[in-house]
């Protein structure tokens, strides 16, 4: 099955900024809110859906495959996808 994504950017009143209280320099990174659900009845094998919000930019992206979620996080964080 091919993984597809739909993009939709949400506007927030105040944009979040990277944590300025860290003990040292940050290389890449970011904060992400991940929401998961099944598109139809789970008992009938409904497909998983994923919504990922990149907190710093308020960008919201929808996915059908967890591998694409990890790829997106790696891209936005400036490195390889998490394993």
Protein backbone atom coordinates (compact mmCIF):
# COMPACT_ATOMS: atom_id res chain seq x y z
CA UNK A 1 0.00 0.00 0.00
CA UNK A 2 1.33 3.42 -0.92
CA UNK A 3 1.42 6.01 1.80
CA UNK A 4 -0.23 9.32 1.04
CA UNK A 5 -0.32 12.53 3.00
CA UNK A 6 -2.57 15.53 3.05
CA UNK A 7 -1.20 18.85 4.27
CA UNK A 8 -3.13 21.53 6.05
CA UNK A 9 -1.58 24.39 7.97
CA UNK A 10 -3.37 25.68 11.02
CA UNK A 11 -2.92 29.24 12.21
CA UNK A 12 -2.49 29.82 15.93
CA UNK A 13 -2.73 33.12 17.74
CA UNK A 14 0.76 32.80 19.21
CA UNK A 15 3.47 30.72 17.55
CA UNK A 16 5.52 28.50 19.81
CA UNK A 17 9.29 29.00 19.82
CA UNK A 18 12.06 26.51 20.59
CA UNK A 19 12.90 26.19 24.27
CA UNK A 20 15.31 28.99 25.17
CA UNK A 21 16.00 27.48 28.61
CA UNK A 22 18.11 24.52 27.49
CA UNK A 23 21.47 23.80 29.08
CA UNK A 24 23.33 23.70 25.77
CA UNK A 25 23.01 24.22 22.04
CA UNK A 26 20.33 22.25 20.23
CA UNK A 27 21.03 20.54 16.96
CA UNK A 28 17.78 20.18 15.04
CA UNK A 29 14.85 18.96 17.03
CA UNK A 30 11.46 20.42 17.64
CA UNK A 31 8.24 19.54 19.36
CA UNK A 32 5.53 17.47 17.74
CA UNK A 33 1.99 16.57 18.75
CA UNK A 34 0.89 13.26 17.22
CA UNK A 35 -2.76 12.19 17.16
CA UNK A 36 -3.79 8.70 16.00
CA UNK A 37 -7.19 7.22 15.20
CA UNK A 38 -8.88 4.58 13.07
CA UNK A 39 -10.81 5.81 10.06
CA UNK A 40 -13.58 3.21 10.49
CA UNK A 41 -14.63 0.51 12.96
CA UNK A 42 -11.49 -1.00 14.54
CA UNK A 43 -13.19 -4.40 14.82
CA UNK A 44 -13.47 -4.47 11.02
CA UNK A 45 -9.80 -3.59 10.46
CA UNK A 46 -10.16 0.14 9.89
CA UNK A 47 -7.03 1.92 8.69
CA UNK A 48 -4.91 3.97 11.07
CA UNK A 49 -4.63 7.69 10.44
CA UNK A 50 -2.05 10.06 11.92
CA UNK A 51 -2.04 13.82 12.43
CA UNK A 52 1.29 15.48 13.25
CA UNK A 53 1.54 19.09 14.37
CA UNK A 54 4.98 20.70 14.33
CA UNK A 55 4.63 23.01 17.33
CA UNK A 56 7.18 25.63 16.29
CA UNK A 57 5.62 26.29 12.85
CA UNK A 58 2.00 25.21 13.60
CA UNK A 59 2.16 23.08 10.42
CA UNK A 60 -0.34 20.21 10.51
CA UNK A 61 0.14 17.18 8.28
CA UNK A 62 -1.98 14.01 7.92
CA UNK A 63 -0.58 10.55 7.15
CA UNK A 64 -1.78 7.01 6.49
CA UNK A 65 1.54 5.26 7.33
CA UNK A 66 3.66 5.46 10.47
CA UNK A 67 6.83 5.28 8.34
CA UNK A 68 5.84 8.58 6.71
CA UNK A 69 5.21 10.10 10.15
CA UNK A 70 8.75 9.22 11.21
CA UNK A 71 10.16 10.54 7.92
CA UNK A 72 8.35 13.85 8.37
CA UNK A 73 9.61 14.22 11.95
CA UNK A 74 13.17 13.50 10.81
CA UNK A 75 12.92 16.07 8.01
CA UNK A 76 11.47 18.80 10.23
CA UNK A 77 13.97 18.04 13.02
CA UNK A 78 16.89 18.35 10.60
CA UNK A 79 18.18 14.81 10.76
CA UNK A 80 17.45 11.17 10.12
CA UNK A 81 14.04 9.78 11.02
CA UNK A 82 13.78 8.27 14.49
CA UNK A 83 14.24 4.51 14.53
